[in-house]
Amino acid sequence: MINQTVAEDRHMAPVFFALGDGTRLALVQRLVGQGAQTASRLSENAQVTRQAIIKHLQVLEGAGLVQHQRHGREVFYTLKPQRLAEAQAFLYGISAGWDRAIERLRHIVEPDQPNTDS
């Protein structure tokens, strides 16, 4: 069972790797708040170079979190909200599993308490 779950969820590893870097996380936040942006625009007020921003965007794109579209000479980057939704659902599943485990433990430790499961 656990090996099947690991195999099914392994596709999420690149997402969490990509989001595990502060610069990339800040890029995602900027794209959420400001919509489609060029690398030049995203590098404004950043503590890294435009080239570094482009490399971070490539990691985000490789994880399926960002896509780019060329308009003339400019390349605009946008978020792919479906991939963020998948990450959120993955984390929700983990959280729900912990909630169930804690409830089972509570019934072992306090067996006389009424069941609050709905």
PDB file of N, CA and C in Angstrom:
ATOM      1  N   MET A   1       0.821  -1.193   0.000  1.00  0.00           N
ATOM      2  CA  MET A   1       0.000   0.000   0.000  1.00  0.00           C
ATOM      3  C   MET A   1       0.867   1.260   0.000  1.00  0.00           C
ATOM      4  N   ILE A   2       1.851   1.309   0.894  1.00  0.00           N
ATOM      5  CA  ILE A   2       2.668   2.524   0.961  1.00  0.00           C
ATOM      6  C   ILE A   2       3.494   2.702  -0.304  1.00  0.00           C
ATOM      7  N   ASN A   3       4.004   1.628  -0.884  1.00  0.00           N
ATOM      8  CA  ASN A   3       4.779   1.752  -2.118  1.00  0.00           C
ATOM      9  C   ASN A   3       3.921   2.274  -3.255  1.00  0.00           C
ATOM     10  N   GLN A   4       2.649   1.845  -3.315  1.00  0.00           N
ATOM     11  CA  GLN A   4       1.742   2.337  -4.345  1.00  0.00           C
ATOM     12  C   GLN A   4       1.494   3.834  -4.142  1.00  0.00           C
ATOM     13  N   THR A   5       1.273   4.262  -2.917  1.00  0.00           N
ATOM     14  CA  THR A   5       1.045   5.668  -2.629  1.00  0.00           C
ATOM     15  C   THR A   5       2.272   6.500  -2.981  1.00  0.00           C
ATOM     16  N   VAL A   6       3.447   6.026  -2.626  1.00  0.00           N
ATOM     17  CA  VAL A   6       4.677   6.739  -2.944  1.00  0.00           C
ATOM     18  C   VAL A   6       4.828   6.875  -4.451  1.00  0.00           C
ATOM     19  N   ALA A   7       4.559   5.812  -5.177  1.00  0.00           N
ATOM     20  CA  ALA A   7       4.682   5.856  -6.635  1.00  0.00           C
ATOM     21  C   ALA A   7       3.679   6.834  -7.230  1.00  0.00           C
ATOM     22  N   GLU A   8       2.458   6.853  -6.702  1.00  0.00           N
ATOM     23  CA  GLU A   8       1.429   7.751  -7.220  1.00  0.00           C
ATOM     24  C   GLU A   8       1.763   9.208  -6.920  1.00  0.00           C
ATOM     25  N   ASP A   9       2.362   9.476  -5.776  1.00  0.00           N
ATOM     26  CA  ASP A   9       2.612  10.851  -5.350  1.00  0.00           C
ATOM     27  C   ASP A   9       4.000  11.361  -5.723  1.00  0.00           C
ATOM     28  N   ARG A  10       4.838  10.518  -6.281  1.00  0.00           N
ATOM     29  CA  ARG A  10       6.198  10.912  -6.629  1.00  0.00           C
ATOM     30  C   ARG A  10       6.222  12.089  -7.603  1.00  0.00           C
ATOM     31  N   HIS A  11       5.190  12.226  -8.410  1.00  0.00           N
ATOM     32  CA  HIS A  11       5.145  13.322  -9.378  1.00  0.00           C
ATOM     33  C   HIS A  11       5.056  14.688  -8.697  1.00  0.00           C
ATOM     34  N   MET A  12       4.803  14.710  -7.401  1.00  0.00           N
ATOM     35  CA  MET A  12       4.724  15.980  -6.675  1.00  0.00           C
ATOM     36  C   MET A  12       6.101  16.457  -6.195  1.00  0.00           C
ATOM     37  N   ALA A  13       7.088  15.593  -6.180  1.00  0.00           N
ATOM     38  CA  ALA A  13       8.413  15.962  -5.678  1.00  0.00           C
ATOM     39  C   ALA A  13       9.005  17.174  -6.389  1.00  0.00           C
ATOM     40  N   PRO A  14       8.942  17.265  -7.718  1.00  0.00           N
ATOM     41  CA  PRO A  14       9.504  18.457  -8.368  1.00  0.00           C
ATOM     42  C   PRO A  14       8.803  19.748  -7.957  1.00  0.00           C
ATOM     43  N   VAL A  15       7.521  19.664  -7.672  1.00  0.00           N
ATOM     44  CA  VAL A  15       6.772  20.854  -7.243  1.00  0.00           C
ATOM     45  C   VAL A  15       7.311  21.353  -5.911  1.00  0.00           C
ATOM     46  N   PHE A  16       7.464  20.444  -4.956  1.00  0.00           N
ATOM     47  CA  PHE A  16       7.924  20.865  -3.637  1.00  0.00           C
ATOM     48  C   PHE A  16       9.400  21.245  -3.649  1.00  0.00           C
ATOM     49  N   PHE A  17      10.178  20.615  -4.523  1.00  0.00           N
ATOM     50  CA  PHE A  17      11.563  21.042  -4.695  1.00  0.00           C
ATOM     51  C   PHE A  17      11.589  22.483  -5.208  1.00  0.00           C
ATOM     52  N   ALA A  18      10.790  22.762  -6.229  1.00  0.00           N
ATOM     53  CA  ALA A  18      10.760  24.099  -6.814  1.00  0.00           C
ATOM     54  C   ALA A  18      10.293  25.136  -5.806  1.00  0.00           C
ATOM     55  N   LEU A  19       9.289  24.803  -5.011  1.00  0.00           N
ATOM     56  CA  LEU A  19       8.756  25.751  -4.037  1.00  0.00           C
ATOM     57  C   LEU A  19       9.622  25.859  -2.787  1.00  0.00           C
ATOM     58  N   GLY A  20      10.594  24.957  -2.659  1.00  0.00           N
ATOM     59  CA  GLY A  20      11.454  24.946  -1.479  1.00  0.00           C
ATOM     60  C   GLY A  20      12.552  25.997  -1.493  1.00  0.00           C
ATOM     61  N   ASP A  21      12.666  26.744  -2.553  1.00  0.00           N
ATOM     62  CA  ASP A  21      13.667  27.796  -2.654  1.00  0.00           C
ATOM     63  C   ASP A  21      12.981  29.149  -2.456  1.00  0.00           C
ATOM     64  N   GLY A  22      13.547  29.980  -1.630  1.00  0.00           N
ATOM     65  CA  GLY A  22      12.939  31.273  -1.312  1.00  0.00           C
ATOM     66  C   GLY A  22      12.750  32.181  -2.515  1.00  0.00           C
ATOM     67  N   THR A  23      13.715  32.190  -3.417  1.00  0.00           N
ATOM     68  CA  THR A  23      13.597  33.033  -4.611  1.00  0.00           C
ATOM     69  C   THR A  23      12.458  32.546  -5.490  1.00  0.00           C
ATOM     70  N   ARG A  24      12.371  31.230  -5.689  1.00  0.00           N
ATOM     71  CA  ARG A  24      11.300  30.695  -6.530  1.00  0.00           C
ATOM     72  C   ARG A  24       9.941  30.893  -5.872  1.00  0.00           C
ATOM     73  N   LEU A  25       9.883  30.736  -4.583  1.00  0.00           N
ATOM     74  CA  LEU A  25       8.623  30.964  -3.875  1.00  0.00           C
ATOM     75  C   LEU A  25       8.190  32.423  -4.025  1.00  0.00           C
ATOM     76  N   ALA A  26       9.147  33.338  -3.944  1.00  0.00           N
ATOM     77  CA  ALA A  26       8.828  34.763  -4.138  1.00  0.00           C
ATOM     78  C   ALA A  26       8.346  35.021  -5.570  1.00  0.00           C
ATOM     79  N   LEU A  27       8.926  34.342  -6.541  1.00  0.00           N
ATOM     80  CA  LEU A  27       8.473  34.491  -7.922  1.00  0.00           C
ATOM     81  C   LEU A  27       7.026  34.024  -8.078  1.00  0.00           C
ATOM     82  N   VAL A  28       6.710  32.898  -7.470  1.00  0.00           N
ATOM     83  CA  VAL A  28       5.333  32.398  -7.522  1.00  0.00           C
ATOM     84  C   VAL A  28       4.390  33.423  -6.897  1.00  0.00           C
ATOM     85  N   GLN A  29       4.771  33.963  -5.756  1.00  0.00           N
ATOM     86  CA  GLN A  29       3.921  34.959  -5.094  1.00  0.00           C
ATOM     87  C   GLN A  29       3.726  36.191  -5.965  1.00  0.00           C
ATOM     88  N   ARG A  30       4.780  36.626  -6.630  1.00  0.00           N
ATOM     89  CA  ARG A  30       4.654  37.790  -7.514  1.00  0.00           C
ATOM     90  C   ARG A  30       3.760  37.487  -8.705  1.00  0.00           C
ATOM     91  N   LEU A  31       3.870  36.285  -9.256  1.00  0.00           N
ATOM     92  CA  LEU A  31       3.022  35.924 -10.385  1.00  0.00           C
ATOM     93  C   LEU A  31       1.560  35.792  -9.977  1.00  0.00           C
ATOM     94  N   VAL A  32       1.317  35.345  -8.765  1.00  0.00           N
ATOM     95  CA  VAL A  32      -0.061  35.272  -8.272  1.00  0.00           C
ATOM     96  C   VAL A  32      -0.632  36.683  -8.161  1.00  0.00           C
ATOM     97  N   GLY A  33       0.138  37.572  -7.597  1.00  0.00           N
ATOM     98  CA  GLY A  33      -0.356  38.922  -7.337  1.00  0.00           C
ATOM     99  C   GLY A  33      -0.397  39.829  -8.549  1.00  0.00           C
ATOM    100  N   GLN A  34       0.496  39.610  -9.520  1.00  0.00           N
ATOM    101  CA  GLN A  34       0.625  40.553 -10.617  1.00  0.00           C
ATOM    102  C   GLN A  34       0.331  39.954 -11.983  1.00  0.00           C
ATOM    103  N   GLY A  35       0.063  38.679 -12.086  1.00  0.00           N
ATOM    104  CA  GLY A  35      -0.225  38.069 -13.377  1.00  0.00           C
ATOM    105  C   GLY A  35       1.020  37.905 -14.226  1.00  0.00           C
ATOM    106  N   ALA A  36       0.829  37.788 -15.540  1.00  0.00           N
ATOM    107  CA  ALA A  36       1.922  37.538 -16.480  1.00  0.00           C
ATOM    108  C   ALA A  36       2.993  38.616 -16.378  1.00  0.00           C
ATOM    109  N   GLN A  37       4.252  38.151 -16.317  1.00  0.00           N
ATOM    110  CA  GLN A  37       5.386  39.060 -16.162  1.00  0.00           C
ATOM    111  C   GLN A  37       6.560  38.574 -16.986  1.00  0.00           C
ATOM    112  N   THR A  38       7.386  39.508 -17.412  1.00  0.00           N
ATOM    113  CA  THR A  38       8.643  39.150 -18.077  1.00  0.00           C
ATOM    114  C   THR A  38       9.703  38.895 -17.011  1.00  0.00           C
ATOM    115  N   ALA A  39      10.775  38.225 -17.401  1.00  0.00           N
ATOM    116  CA  ALA A  39      11.875  37.992 -16.474  1.00  0.00           C
ATOM    117  C   ALA A  39      12.485  39.318 -16.028  1.00  0.00           C
ATOM    118  N   SER A  40      12.543  40.281 -16.942  1.00  0.00           N
ATOM    119  CA  SER A  40      13.090  41.596 -16.576  1.00  0.00           C
ATOM    120  C   SER A  40      12.249  42.244 -15.497  1.00  0.00           C
ATOM    121  N   ARG A  41      10.959  42.183 -15.654  1.00  0.00           N
ATOM    122  CA  ARG A  41      10.059  42.779 -14.655  1.00  0.00           C
ATOM    123  C   ARG A  41      10.170  42.045 -13.321  1.00  0.00           C
ATOM    124  N   LEU A  42      10.250  40.719 -13.391  1.00  0.00           N
ATOM    125  CA  LEU A  42      10.361  39.927 -12.160  1.00  0.00           C
ATOM    126  C   LEU A  42      11.684  40.156 -11.448  1.00  0.00           C
ATOM    127  N   SER A  43      12.718  40.548 -12.195  1.00  0.00           N
ATOM    128  CA  SER A  43      14.023  40.765 -11.568  1.00  0.00           C
ATOM    129  C   SER A  43      14.149  42.146 -10.929  1.00  0.00           C
ATOM    130  N   GLU A  44      13.186  43.036 -11.197  1.00  0.00           N
ATOM    131  CA  GLU A  44      13.213  44.346 -10.545  1.00  0.00           C
ATOM    132  C   GLU A  44      13.061  44.162  -9.044  1.00  0.00           C
ATOM    133  N   ASN A  45      13.881  44.843  -8.286  1.00  0.00           N
ATOM    134  CA  ASN A  45      13.877  44.777  -6.818  1.00  0.00           C
ATOM    135  C   ASN A  45      14.226  43.394  -6.270  1.00  0.00           C
ATOM    136  N   ALA A  46      14.720  42.517  -7.127  1.00  0.00           N
ATOM    137  CA  ALA A  46      15.146  41.195  -6.657  1.00  0.00           C
ATOM    138  C   ALA A  46      16.593  41.278  -6.201  1.00  0.00           C
ATOM    139  N   GLN A  47      16.982  40.357  -5.354  1.00  0.00           N
ATOM    140  CA  GLN A  47      18.355  40.334  -4.856  1.00  0.00           C
ATOM    141  C   GLN A  47      19.261  39.459  -5.709  1.00  0.00           C
ATOM    142  N   VAL A  48      18.718  38.994  -6.840  1.00  0.00           N
ATOM    143  CA  VAL A  48      19.505  38.184  -7.767  1.00  0.00           C
ATOM    144  C   VAL A  48      19.393  38.789  -9.166  1.00  0.00           C
ATOM    145  N   THR A  49      20.264  38.365 -10.050  1.00  0.00           N
ATOM    146  CA  THR A  49      20.305  38.913 -11.401  1.00  0.00           C
ATOM    147  C   THR A  49      19.134  38.404 -12.244  1.00  0.00           C
ATOM    148  N   ARG A  50      18.939  39.053 -13.368  1.00  0.00           N
ATOM    149  CA  ARG A  50      17.910  38.638 -14.321  1.00  0.00           C
ATOM    150  C   ARG A  50      18.192  37.213 -14.804  1.00  0.00           C
ATOM    151  N   GLN A  51      19.469  36.902 -15.059  1.00  0.00           N
ATOM    152  CA  GLN A  51      19.831  35.547 -15.490  1.00  0.00           C
ATOM    153  C   GLN A  51      19.464  34.523 -14.431  1.00  0.00           C
ATOM    154  N   ALA A  52      19.685  34.847 -13.168  1.00  0.00           N
ATOM    155  CA  ALA A  52      19.313  33.930 -12.090  1.00  0.00           C
ATOM    156  C   ALA A  52      17.795  33.746 -12.041  1.00  0.00           C
ATOM    157  N   ILE A  53      17.059  34.833 -12.263  1.00  0.00           N
ATOM    158  CA  ILE A  53      15.593  34.753 -12.283  1.00  0.00           C
ATOM    159  C   ILE A  53      15.148  33.806 -13.395  1.00  0.00           C
ATOM    160  N   ILE A  54      15.779  33.921 -14.557  1.00  0.00           N
ATOM    161  CA  ILE A  54      15.430  33.046 -15.687  1.00  0.00           C
ATOM    162  C   ILE A  54      15.681  31.578 -15.326  1.00  0.00           C
ATOM    163  N   LYS A  55      16.784  31.306 -14.663  1.00  0.00           N
ATOM    164  CA  LYS A  55      17.077  29.922 -14.257  1.00  0.00           C
ATOM    165  C   LYS A  55      16.042  29.416 -13.251  1.00  0.00           C
ATOM    166  N   HIS A  56      15.654  30.274 -12.323  1.00  0.00           N
ATOM    167  CA  HIS A  56      14.619  29.888 -11.357  1.00  0.00           C
ATOM    168  C   HIS A  56      13.286  29.655 -12.066  1.00  0.00           C
ATOM    169  N   LEU A  57      12.966  30.478 -13.040  1.00  0.00           N
ATOM    170  CA  LEU A  57      11.729  30.297 -13.807  1.00  0.00           C
ATOM    171  C   LEU A  57      11.756  28.979 -14.576  1.00  0.00           C
ATOM    172  N   GLN A  58      12.924  28.579 -15.059  1.00  0.00           N
ATOM    173  CA  GLN A  58      13.048  27.298 -15.755  1.00  0.00           C
ATOM    174  C   GLN A  58      12.773  26.125 -14.812  1.00  0.00           C
ATOM    175  N   VAL A  59      13.240  26.235 -13.574  1.00  0.00           N
ATOM    176  CA  VAL A  59      12.952  25.185 -12.588  1.00  0.00           C
ATOM    177  C   VAL A  59      11.453  25.130 -12.320  1.00  0.00           C
ATOM    178  N   LEU A  60      10.837  26.296 -12.143  1.00  0.00           N
ATOM    179  CA  LEU A  60       9.395  26.341 -11.906  1.00  0.00           C
ATOM    180  C   LEU A  60       8.627  25.779 -13.104  1.00  0.00           C
ATOM    181  N   GLU A  61       9.107  26.084 -14.300  1.00  0.00           N
ATOM    182  CA  GLU A  61       8.454  25.565 -15.496  1.00  0.00           C
ATOM    183  C   GLU A  61       8.634  24.054 -15.604  1.00  0.00           C
ATOM    184  N   GLY A  62       9.813  23.565 -15.264  1.00  0.00           N
ATOM    185  CA  GLY A  62      10.056  22.124 -15.276  1.00  0.00           C
ATOM    186  C   GLY A  62       9.173  21.367 -14.301  1.00  0.00           C
ATOM    187  N   ALA A  63       8.790  22.029 -13.216  1.00  0.00           N
ATOM    188  CA  ALA A  63       7.906  21.417 -12.217  1.00  0.00           C
ATOM    189  C   ALA A  63       6.435  21.555 -12.608  1.00  0.00           C
ATOM    190  N   GLY A  64       6.182  22.257 -13.697  1.00  0.00           N
ATOM    191  CA  GLY A  64       4.810  22.428 -14.150  1.00  0.00           C
ATOM    192  C   GLY A  64       4.065  23.555 -13.461  1.00  0.00           C
ATOM    193  N   LEU A  65       4.778  24.410 -12.740  1.00  0.00           N
ATOM    194  CA  LEU A  65       4.134  25.495 -12.007  1.00  0.00           C
ATOM    195  C   LEU A  65       3.993  26.768 -12.827  1.00  0.00           C
ATOM    196  N   VAL A  66       4.826  26.922 -13.834  1.00  0.00           N
ATOM    197  CA  VAL A  66       4.880  28.149 -14.626  1.00  0.00           C
ATOM    198  C   VAL A  66       4.911  27.758 -16.104  1.00  0.00           C
ATOM    199  N   GLN A  67       4.346  28.592 -16.922  1.00  0.00           N
ATOM    200  CA  GLN A  67       4.471  28.422 -18.366  1.00  0.00           C
ATOM    201  C   GLN A  67       4.882  29.755 -18.971  1.00  0.00           C
ATOM    202  N   HIS A  68       5.478  29.693 -20.140  1.00  0.00           N
ATOM    203  CA  HIS A  68       5.871  30.937 -20.792  1.00  0.00           C
ATOM    204  C   HIS A  68       5.226  31.034 -22.163  1.00  0.00           C
ATOM    205  N   GLN A  69       5.078  32.274 -22.597  1.00  0.00           N
ATOM    206  CA  GLN A  69       4.534  32.536 -23.919  1.00  0.00           C
ATOM    207  C   GLN A  69       5.269  33.724 -24.499  1.00  0.00           C
ATOM    208  N   ARG A  70       5.715  33.561 -25.719  1.00  0.00           N
ATOM    209  CA  ARG A  70       6.475  34.614 -26.391  1.00  0.00           C
ATOM    210  C   ARG A  70       5.507  35.538 -27.129  1.00  0.00           C
ATOM    211  N   HIS A  71       5.701  36.839 -26.930  1.00  0.00           N
ATOM    212  CA  HIS A  71       4.972  37.877 -27.655  1.00  0.00           C
ATOM    213  C   HIS A  71       6.020  38.794 -28.265  1.00  0.00           C
ATOM    214  N   GLY A  72       6.303  38.587 -29.537  1.00  0.00           N
ATOM    215  CA  GLY A  72       7.360  39.360 -30.177  1.00  0.00           C
ATOM    216  C   GLY A  72       8.691  39.018 -29.558  1.00  0.00           C
ATOM    217  N   ARG A  73       9.384  40.042 -29.053  1.00  0.00           N
ATOM    218  CA  ARG A  73      10.695  39.834 -28.429  1.00  0.00           C
ATOM    219  C   ARG A  73      10.597  39.507 -26.946  1.00  0.00           C
ATOM    220  N   GLU A  74       9.424  39.660 -26.373  1.00  0.00           N
ATOM    221  CA  GLU A  74       9.277  39.452 -24.928  1.00  0.00           C
ATOM    222  C   GLU A  74       8.696  38.075 -24.621  1.00  0.00           C
ATOM    223  N   VAL A  75       9.139  37.529 -23.506  1.00  0.00           N
ATOM    224  CA  VAL A  75       8.633  36.248 -23.014  1.00  0.00           C
ATOM    225  C   VAL A  75       7.912  36.532 -21.703  1.00  0.00           C
ATOM    226  N   PHE A  76       6.650  36.150 -21.643  1.00  0.00           N
ATOM    227  CA  PHE A  76       5.849  36.360 -20.439  1.00  0.00           C
ATOM    228  C   PHE A  76       5.656  35.031 -19.723  1.00  0.00           C
ATOM    229  N   TYR A  77       5.794  35.078 -18.415  1.00  0.00           N
ATOM    230  CA  TYR A  77       5.630  33.906 -17.569  1.00  0.00           C
ATOM    231  C   TYR A  77       4.333  34.043 -16.781  1.00  0.00           C
ATOM    232  N   THR A  78       3.588  32.950 -16.726  1.00  0.00           N
ATOM    233  CA  THR A  78       2.358  32.907 -15.934  1.00  0.00           C
ATOM    234  C   THR A  78       2.337  31.622 -15.124  1.00  0.00           C
ATOM    235  N   LEU A  79       1.558  31.638 -14.057  1.00  0.00           N
ATOM    236  CA  LEU A  79       1.394  30.442 -13.233  1.00  0.00           C
ATOM    237  C   LEU A  79       0.437  29.473 -13.895  1.00  0.00           C
ATOM    238  N   LYS A  80       0.613  28.210 -13.575  1.00  0.00           N
ATOM    239  CA  LYS A  80      -0.328  27.175 -13.964  1.00  0.00           C
ATOM    240  C   LYS A  80      -1.072  26.777 -12.696  1.00  0.00           C
ATOM    241  N   PRO A  81      -2.240  27.357 -12.466  1.00  0.00           N
ATOM    242  CA  PRO A  81      -2.939  27.151 -11.190  1.00  0.00           C
ATOM    243  C   PRO A  81      -3.290  25.694 -10.910  1.00  0.00           C
ATOM    244  N   GLN A  82      -3.459  24.873 -11.943  1.00  0.00           N
ATOM    245  CA  GLN A  82      -3.796  23.468 -11.721  1.00  0.00           C
ATOM    246  C   GLN A  82      -2.707  22.758 -10.922  1.00  0.00           C
ATOM    247  N   ARG A  83      -1.459  23.061 -11.206  1.00  0.00           N
ATOM    248  CA  ARG A  83      -0.351  22.402 -10.499  1.00  0.00           C
ATOM    249  C   ARG A  83      -0.310  22.836  -9.033  1.00  0.00           C
ATOM    250  N   LEU A  84      -0.606  24.104  -8.786  1.00  0.00           N
ATOM    251  CA  LEU A  84      -0.682  24.567  -7.394  1.00  0.00           C
ATOM    252  C   LEU A  84      -1.847  23.893  -6.669  1.00  0.00           C
ATOM    253  N   ALA A  85      -2.956  23.697  -7.371  1.00  0.00           N
ATOM    254  CA  ALA A  85      -4.106  23.012  -6.775  1.00  0.00           C
ATOM    255  C   ALA A  85      -3.761  21.567  -6.438  1.00  0.00           C
ATOM    256  N   GLU A  86      -2.980  20.911  -7.302  1.00  0.00           N
ATOM    257  CA  GLU A  86      -2.547  19.543  -7.025  1.00  0.00           C
ATOM    258  C   GLU A  86      -1.675  19.495  -5.772  1.00  0.00           C
ATOM    259  N   ALA A  87      -0.782  20.468  -5.626  1.00  0.00           N
ATOM    260  CA  ALA A  87       0.076  20.522  -4.433  1.00  0.00           C
ATOM    261  C   ALA A  87      -0.766  20.752  -3.182  1.00  0.00           C
ATOM    262  N   GLN A  88      -1.745  21.623  -3.290  1.00  0.00           N
ATOM    263  CA  GLN A  88      -2.627  21.887  -2.151  1.00  0.00           C
ATOM    264  C   GLN A  88      -3.405  20.632  -1.772  1.00  0.00           C
ATOM    265  N   ALA A  89      -3.931  19.912  -2.759  1.00  0.00           N
ATOM    266  CA  ALA A  89      -4.669  18.681  -2.490  1.00  0.00           C
ATOM    267  C   ALA A  89      -3.768  17.623  -1.863  1.00  0.00           C
ATOM    268  N   PHE A  90      -2.525  17.545  -2.329  1.00  0.00           N
ATOM    269  CA  PHE A  90      -1.567  16.600  -1.764  1.00  0.00           C
ATOM    270  C   PHE A  90      -1.344  16.894  -0.276  1.00  0.00           C
ATOM    271  N   LEU A  91      -1.122  18.169   0.048  1.00  0.00           N
ATOM    272  CA  LEU A  91      -0.910  18.549   1.447  1.00  0.00           C
ATOM    273  C   LEU A  91      -2.167  18.340   2.282  1.00  0.00           C
ATOM    274  N   TYR A  92      -3.317  18.594   1.708  1.00  0.00           N
ATOM    275  CA  TYR A  92      -4.570  18.362   2.424  1.00  0.00           C
ATOM    276  C   TYR A  92      -4.720  16.878   2.763  1.00  0.00           C
ATOM    277  N   GLY A  93      -4.345  16.010   1.825  1.00  0.00           N
ATOM    278  CA  GLY A  93      -4.421  14.571   2.073  1.00  0.00           C
ATOM    279  C   GLY A  93      -3.516  14.149   3.219  1.00  0.00           C
ATOM    280  N   ILE A  94      -2.336  14.722   3.278  1.00  0.00           N
ATOM    281  CA  ILE A  94      -1.426  14.420   4.383  1.00  0.00           C
ATOM    282  C   ILE A  94      -2.020  14.902   5.701  1.00  0.00           C
ATOM    283  N   SER A  95      -2.548  16.099   5.692  1.00  0.00           N
ATOM    284  CA  SER A  95      -3.149  16.673   6.893  1.00  0.00           C
ATOM    285  C   SER A  95      -4.334  15.834   7.369  1.00  0.00           C
ATOM    286  N   ALA A  96      -5.178  15.409   6.445  1.00  0.00           N
ATOM    287  CA  ALA A  96      -6.334  14.589   6.807  1.00  0.00           C
ATOM    288  C   ALA A  96      -5.890  13.253   7.396  1.00  0.00           C
ATOM    289  N   GLY A  97      -4.820  12.687   6.861  1.00  0.00           N
ATOM    290  CA  GLY A  97      -4.290  11.440   7.401  1.00  0.00           C
ATOM    291  C   GLY A  97      -3.816  11.601   8.838  1.00  0.00           C
ATOM    292  N   TRP A  98      -3.145  12.718   9.113  1.00  0.00           N
ATOM    293  CA  TRP A  98      -2.701  12.977  10.480  1.00  0.00           C
ATOM    294  C   TRP A  98      -3.895  13.171  11.404  1.00  0.00           C
ATOM    295  N   ASP A  99      -4.923  13.860  10.932  1.00  0.00           N
ATOM    296  CA  ASP A  99      -6.122  14.057  11.750  1.00  0.00           C
ATOM    297  C   ASP A  99      -6.758  12.725  12.123  1.00  0.00           C
ATOM    298  N   ARG A 100      -6.832  11.802  11.153  1.00  0.00           N
ATOM    299  CA  ARG A 100      -7.399  10.482  11.440  1.00  0.00           C
ATOM    300  C   ARG A 100      -6.530   9.708  12.434  1.00  0.00           C
ATOM    301  N   ALA A 101      -5.207   9.797  12.276  1.00  0.00           N
ATOM    302  CA  ALA A 101      -4.301   9.093  13.195  1.00  0.00           C
ATOM    303  C   ALA A 101      -4.427   9.642  14.614  1.00  0.00           C
ATOM    304  N   ILE A 102      -4.535  10.940  14.738  1.00  0.00           N
ATOM    305  CA  ILE A 102      -4.687  11.551  16.068  1.00  0.00           C
ATOM    306  C   ILE A 102      -6.010  11.133  16.697  1.00  0.00           C
ATOM    307  N   GLU A 103      -7.059  11.073  15.903  1.00  0.00           N
ATOM    308  CA  GLU A 103      -8.364  10.656  16.426  1.00  0.00           C
ATOM    309  C   GLU A 103      -8.319   9.198  16.897  1.00  0.00           C
ATOM    310  N   ARG A 104      -7.640   8.316  16.142  1.00  0.00           N
ATOM    311  CA  ARG A 104      -7.497   6.922  16.574  1.00  0.00           C
ATOM    312  C   ARG A 104      -6.717   6.835  17.882  1.00  0.00           C
ATOM    313  N   LEU A 105      -5.653   7.622  17.985  1.00  0.00           N
ATOM    314  CA  LEU A 105      -4.859   7.641  19.210  1.00  0.00           C
ATOM    315  C   LEU A 105      -5.690   8.143  20.381  1.00  0.00           C
ATOM    316  N   ARG A 106      -6.514   9.141  20.139  1.00  0.00           N
ATOM    317  CA  ARG A 106      -7.363   9.675  21.201  1.00  0.00           C
ATOM    318  C   ARG A 106      -8.304   8.590  21.720  1.00  0.00           C
ATOM    319  N   HIS A 107      -8.821   7.749  20.828  1.00  0.00           N
ATOM    320  CA  HIS A 107      -9.727   6.674  21.250  1.00  0.00           C
ATOM    321  C   HIS A 107      -8.991   5.593  22.027  1.00  0.00           C
ATOM    322  N   ILE A 108      -7.712   5.417  21.776  1.00  0.00           N
ATOM    323  CA  ILE A 108      -6.916   4.462  22.546  1.00  0.00           C
ATOM    324  C   ILE A 108      -6.620   5.023  23.937  1.00  0.00           C
ATOM    325  N   VAL A 109      -6.241   6.295  23.984  1.00  0.00           N
ATOM    326  CA  VAL A 109      -5.863   6.920  25.251  1.00  0.00           C
ATOM    327  C   VAL A 109      -7.087   7.216  26.112  1.00  0.00           C
ATOM    328  N   GLU A 110      -8.180   7.616  25.485  1.00  0.00           N
ATOM    329  CA  GLU A 110      -9.407   7.974  26.203  1.00  0.00           C
ATOM    330  C   GLU A 110     -10.562   7.132  25.674  1.00  0.00           C
ATOM    331  N   PRO A 111     -10.599   5.822  25.966  1.00  0.00           N
ATOM    332  CA  PRO A 111     -11.590   4.955  25.350  1.00  0.00           C
ATOM    333  C   PRO A 111     -13.024   5.244  25.755  1.00  0.00           C
ATOM    334  N   ASP A 112     -13.256   5.910  26.865  1.00  0.00           N
ATOM    335  CA  ASP A 112     -14.617   6.161  27.337  1.00  0.00           C
ATOM    336  C   ASP A 112     -15.214   7.425  26.744  1.00  0.00           C
ATOM    337  N   GLN A 113     -14.452   8.198  25.993  1.00  0.00           N
ATOM    338  CA  GLN A 113     -14.966   9.431  25.405  1.00  0.00           C
ATOM    339  C   GLN A 113     -15.866   9.102  24.214  1.00  0.00           C
ATOM    340  N   PRO A 114     -16.940   9.862  24.039  1.00  0.00           N
ATOM    341  CA  PRO A 114     -17.819   9.606  22.897  1.00  0.00           C
ATOM    342  C   PRO A 114     -17.114   9.895  21.585  1.00  0.00           C
ATOM    343  N   ASN A 115     -17.488   9.192  20.542  1.00  0.00           N
ATOM    344  CA  ASN A 115     -16.909   9.347  19.210  1.00  0.00           C
ATOM    345  C   ASN A 115     -17.415  10.645  18.594  1.00  0.00           C
ATOM    346  N   THR A 116     -16.522  11.518  18.181  1.00  0.00           N
ATOM    347  CA  THR A 116     -16.904  12.793  17.585  1.00  0.00           C
ATOM    348  C   THR A 116     -16.813  12.760  16.073  1.00  0.00           C
ATOM    349  N   ASP A 117     -16.511  11.584  15.496  1.00  0.00           N
ATOM    350  CA  ASP A 117     -16.426  11.485  14.030  1.00  0.00           C
ATOM    351  C   ASP A 117     -17.809  11.684  13.443  1.00  0.00           C
ATOM    352  N   SER A 118     -17.850  12.367  12.312  1.00  0.00           N
ATOM    353  CA  SER A 118     -19.138  12.583  11.636  1.00  0.00           C
ATOM    354  C   SER A 118     -19.259  11.672  10.453  1.00  0.00           C
TER     355      SER A 118
END
